[in-house]
Protein backbone atom coordinates (compact mmCIF):
# COMPACT_ATOMS: atom_id res chain seq x y z
CA MET A 1 120.73 144.02 278.81
CA MET A 2 120.61 143.20 275.28
CA TYR A 3 123.01 145.15 273.25
CA ASP A 4 121.60 147.97 271.29
CA GLY A 5 124.17 148.61 268.57
CA TYR A 6 127.23 150.31 268.34
CA GLU A 7 127.77 153.50 270.42
CA PHE A 8 129.16 156.48 268.50
CA PRO A 9 131.30 158.84 270.52
CA PRO A 10 129.80 162.03 270.70
CA LEU A 11 129.05 163.83 267.91
CA ILE A 12 129.60 167.14 266.59
CA GLN A 13 127.54 168.30 263.89
CA GLY A 14 128.80 170.58 260.59
CA THR A 15 128.91 170.91 256.71
CA LEU A 16 131.46 168.99 254.62
CA LEU A 17 133.40 171.21 252.63
CA LYS A 18 135.73 169.10 250.59
CA ARG A 19 137.33 165.49 250.92
CA TYR A 20 140.74 165.45 249.45
CA LYS A 21 143.89 163.16 249.91
CA ARG A 22 142.11 160.24 250.60
CA PHE A 23 142.13 160.83 254.34
CA LEU A 24 140.85 164.45 254.86
CA ALA A 25 137.93 166.38 255.09
CA ASP A 26 137.42 169.88 256.02
CA ILE A 27 134.27 170.37 257.87
CA GLU A 28 132.69 173.80 258.64
CA LEU A 29 131.15 173.72 262.27
CA GLU A 30 128.00 175.37 263.33
CA ASN A 31 129.88 178.10 264.97
CA GLY A 32 131.89 178.79 261.41
CA GLU A 33 134.76 177.28 262.35
CA VAL A 34 136.88 175.02 259.56
CA VAL A 35 138.37 172.09 260.92
CA THR A 36 140.35 169.27 259.13
CA ALA A 37 139.04 165.59 260.06
CA HIS A 38 140.35 162.31 259.65
CA CYS A 39 138.40 160.33 256.77
CA PRO A 40 138.55 157.04 257.88
CA ASN A 41 137.53 155.47 254.53
CA SER A 42 140.15 154.65 251.85
CA GLY A 43 137.57 153.87 249.16
CA SER A 44 136.37 156.38 246.36
CA MET A 45 133.51 157.10 248.37
CA LYS A 46 131.22 157.37 245.13
CA GLY A 47 127.99 158.91 246.13
CA CYS A 48 129.09 159.74 249.54
CA VAL A 49 131.13 163.01 249.17
CA ARG A 50 128.85 166.17 248.30
CA PRO A 51 130.24 169.51 249.62
CA GLY A 52 127.44 171.25 251.31
CA ALA A 53 126.24 167.93 252.84
CA GLU A 54 125.40 167.75 256.45
CA ALA A 55 128.23 165.80 258.27
CA TRP A 56 129.27 164.87 261.93
CA ILE A 57 132.77 164.24 263.21
CA SER A 58 133.77 162.65 266.66
CA GLN A 59 136.74 164.38 268.77
CA SER A 60 139.13 162.44 270.10
CA THR A 61 141.13 162.55 273.51
CA ASN A 62 144.48 161.46 272.43
CA LEU A 63 146.85 163.80 272.26
CA LYS A 64 149.51 162.25 270.17
CA ARG A 65 146.92 162.27 266.97
CA LYS A 66 148.02 164.51 264.49
CA LEU A 67 144.21 165.23 263.69
CA LYS A 68 141.89 165.33 266.74
CA TYR A 69 138.65 165.23 264.52
CA THR A 70 137.08 161.96 263.06
CA TRP A 71 134.56 162.14 260.15
CA GLU A 72 131.84 159.56 261.10
CA LEU A 73 128.63 160.44 259.55
CA THR A 74 126.94 162.44 256.47
CA ARG A 75 123.44 162.80 255.00
CA ILE A 76 122.54 163.33 251.76
CA ASP A 77 119.15 163.63 250.07
CA GLY A 78 117.74 162.56 253.64
CA THR A 79 120.20 159.62 253.49
CA PHE A 80 122.58 158.83 256.75
CA ILE A 81 125.73 157.41 255.26
CA GLY A 82 128.22 155.48 257.85
CA ILE A 83 131.81 156.98 256.87
CA ASN A 84 134.03 155.15 259.36
CA THR A 85 134.94 151.65 258.12
CA LEU A 86 135.98 150.57 261.27
CA VAL A 87 132.35 150.53 262.49
CA PRO A 88 131.27 147.79 260.51
CA ASN A 89 133.57 145.33 262.32
CA ARG A 90 132.79 146.38 265.65
CA LEU A 91 128.97 146.47 264.92
CA VAL A 92 128.98 143.01 263.40
CA ARG A 93 131.15 141.38 265.96
CA ALA A 94 129.05 142.46 268.49
CA SER A 95 126.09 141.80 267.20
CA VAL A 96 127.23 137.90 266.41
CA GLU A 97 128.45 137.92 270.08
CA ASN A 98 124.93 138.76 271.40
CA GLY A 99 122.92 136.43 269.32
CA LEU A 100 121.54 139.06 266.67
CA VAL A 101 122.65 137.52 263.51
CA PRO A 102 120.48 133.94 263.08
CA GLU A 103 122.68 132.96 260.13
CA LEU A 104 125.92 133.13 262.42
CA SER A 105 124.48 131.92 266.03
CA GLY A 106 125.27 128.84 268.06
CA TYR A 107 129.00 129.81 268.32
CA SER A 108 130.37 129.72 271.89
CA ARG A 109 133.53 132.14 270.92
CA VAL A 110 134.14 134.83 268.47
CA ARG A 111 137.77 135.88 267.83
CA PRO A 112 138.72 138.80 265.81
CA GLU A 113 141.61 139.16 263.30
CA VAL A 114 142.42 135.69 262.80
CA LYS A 115 145.51 134.80 260.53
CA THR A 116 144.17 132.15 257.98
CA SER A 117 147.49 131.78 255.63
CA GLU A 118 150.88 133.32 255.76
CA HIS A 119 149.64 136.63 254.24
CA THR A 120 146.11 136.99 254.94
CA ARG A 121 143.80 137.95 258.21
CA LEU A 122 140.04 137.67 258.36
CA ASP A 123 137.69 139.43 260.40
CA LEU A 124 136.30 137.03 262.69
CA MET A 125 136.29 133.39 263.68
CA LEU A 126 133.53 131.60 265.31
CA GLU A 127 134.27 128.17 267.00
CA ASP A 128 132.37 125.96 269.13
CA ASN A 129 133.11 122.54 270.38
CA ASN A 130 130.26 120.95 268.47
CA LYS A 131 130.44 122.90 265.04
CA LYS A 132 133.30 123.43 262.55
CA GLN A 133 135.14 126.95 262.62
CA CYS A 134 133.43 129.67 260.65
CA PHE A 135 135.48 132.23 259.10
CA VAL A 136 133.79 135.67 258.33
CA GLU A 137 134.95 138.50 256.15
CA ILE A 138 133.38 141.76 256.71
CA LYS A 139 132.75 144.26 253.99
CA ASN A 140 131.61 147.97 254.10
CA CYS A 141 129.40 149.04 251.53
CA THR A 142 128.36 152.77 250.74
CA LEU A 143 127.72 153.13 247.26
CA VAL A 144 123.81 152.65 246.68
CA GLU A 145 122.40 153.86 242.85
CA ASN A 146 118.59 153.43 242.41
CA GLY A 147 118.05 151.72 245.60
CA VAL A 148 120.31 149.11 244.88
CA ALA A 149 123.57 148.56 247.10
CA ARG A 150 127.03 147.98 245.32
CA PHE A 151 130.45 147.06 245.97
CA PRO A 152 133.42 147.33 245.55
CA ASP A 153 133.24 151.17 244.73
CA ALA A 154 136.91 150.96 243.24
CA VAL A 155 139.10 147.91 242.16
CA THR A 156 140.10 145.88 245.29
CA MET A 157 142.56 143.49 245.22
CA ARG A 158 142.84 142.78 248.51
CA GLY A 159 138.99 141.98 248.54
CA GLN A 160 139.57 139.76 245.58
CA LYS A 161 142.48 138.04 247.96
CA HIS A 162 139.91 137.54 250.67
CA ILE A 163 137.41 135.91 248.19
CA GLN A 164 139.81 133.66 247.33
CA GLU A 165 141.22 132.50 250.89
CA LEU A 166 137.35 132.10 251.69
CA VAL A 167 137.05 129.77 248.99
CA ALA A 168 139.85 127.87 249.92
CA LEU A 169 138.58 127.50 253.54
CA ALA A 170 135.05 126.19 252.26
CA ALA A 171 137.12 123.62 250.25
CA ASN A 172 138.77 122.24 253.52
CA GLY A 173 135.39 122.03 255.04
CA HIS A 174 134.80 125.06 257.11
CA ARG A 175 132.30 127.38 257.10
CA ALA A 176 133.32 130.81 255.07
CA VAL A 177 130.84 133.66 254.85
CA LEU A 178 131.53 136.98 253.28
CA PHE A 179 129.41 139.67 255.14
CA PHE A 180 128.57 142.92 253.53
CA LEU A 181 127.29 145.70 255.88
CA VAL A 182 125.34 148.36 254.05
CA GLN A 183 126.14 151.72 255.86
CA ARG A 184 123.27 153.28 255.09
CA THR A 185 119.46 152.97 254.76
CA ASP A 186 118.05 153.66 251.40
CA ALA A 187 118.86 150.09 249.54
CA HIS A 188 116.57 147.47 248.70
CA ALA A 189 119.08 144.93 247.60
CA PHE A 190 122.45 144.27 246.84
CA THR A 191 124.43 143.35 243.63
CA PRO A 192 128.39 143.07 242.87
CA ALA A 193 129.49 146.25 241.05
CA ALA A 194 130.39 144.63 238.11
CA ASP A 195 131.24 147.61 236.07
CA ILE A 196 133.60 148.88 238.82
CA ASP A 197 135.56 145.88 239.22
CA PRO A 198 134.50 142.94 236.94
CA GLU A 199 137.25 140.24 238.19
CA TYR A 200 135.83 141.09 241.91
CA ALA A 201 132.26 140.70 240.76
CA GLU A 202 133.40 137.13 239.00
CA LYS A 203 134.83 135.80 241.64
CA LEU A 204 132.16 136.66 244.19
CA MET A 205 129.65 134.83 241.96
CA GLN A 206 131.85 131.90 241.43
CA ALA A 207 132.66 131.79 245.54
CA ARG A 208 128.76 131.12 246.16
CA LEU A 209 128.99 128.09 243.74
CA GLU A 210 132.03 126.65 245.59
CA GLY A 211 130.32 127.10 249.34
CA VAL A 212 130.95 130.58 250.27
CA GLU A 213 127.98 132.13 252.12
CA ILE A 214 126.57 135.96 251.39
CA ILE A 215 125.22 137.76 254.07
CA VAL A 216 124.14 141.11 253.40
CA ARG A 217 122.46 143.31 256.28
CA ASP A 218 121.62 147.20 255.95
CA VAL A 219 121.41 149.31 259.12
CA VAL A 220 119.57 152.02 261.39
CA PHE A 221 120.85 154.93 262.65
CA ASP A 222 119.55 156.60 265.70
CA LEU A 223 120.81 160.19 266.43
CA ASP A 224 117.74 161.49 268.13
CA ALA A 225 118.71 159.78 271.71
CA ASP A 226 121.28 160.90 274.12
CA GLN A 227 124.08 158.95 272.71
CA ALA A 228 123.89 158.13 268.91
CA ARG A 229 123.69 154.76 267.65
CA ILE A 230 123.87 152.42 264.66
CA ARG A 231 121.98 149.20 264.78
CA LEU A 232 122.01 146.11 262.25
CA ASN A 233 118.62 146.33 260.36
CA ARG A 234 117.32 144.24 257.35
CA SER A 235 118.54 141.56 255.19
CA LEU A 236 118.43 142.71 251.58
CA ASN A 237 118.42 140.41 248.48
CA PHE A 238 121.58 139.31 246.54
CA PHE A 239 121.48 139.23 242.83
CA ARG A 240 123.72 139.85 239.62
CA LEU A 241 123.35 142.42 237.12
CA ASP A 242 124.56 141.53 233.99
């Protein structure tokens, strides 16, 4: 059976009250109960946090967890937004393995979390006996303004390091790919957020000139089915805002 997207755990609907201390979110459930959920997103989440917005959480069965709920989704002005930064890696990896990313097709092996230097790991390495290795770093993008997806939403030294690592791999003859997953449904294009992190934007543009490939895809959510899912959707155009 063809892969049908990442399957969320059972979701519980509520209303966002607030996000605080980066990793905490208070959610009011439909029965009036207020629970504190883990917010699996360390970024600024600019444009994604609106008290009173619809929110969906999952409940863990791990009794050792301090917080049994995880904030998975929100909906703002009719747009679904994925909150969980673990989802992009799971979705992209499975989509590649199932041949749903044409740019990354034809590889027989997919390895996750590959150490490429002493202090750096990249998300995926694709291998085939008849092809050169392909290294892929996946970035979660949730900032959209005026229909344009933008990354990052805060200064990211780690992101800059990943770009430098990909540039070095490309210089050594490997394929090197930055895959931006826009985990929402209201963007028609993508650009680096030079006003937020000008050094990242500059490094990204230079990396393109040095052989690093850029893939940008958005997603589609299906919450009407018995099991909520997220799937890869369209490719988005990449451009630079000066």
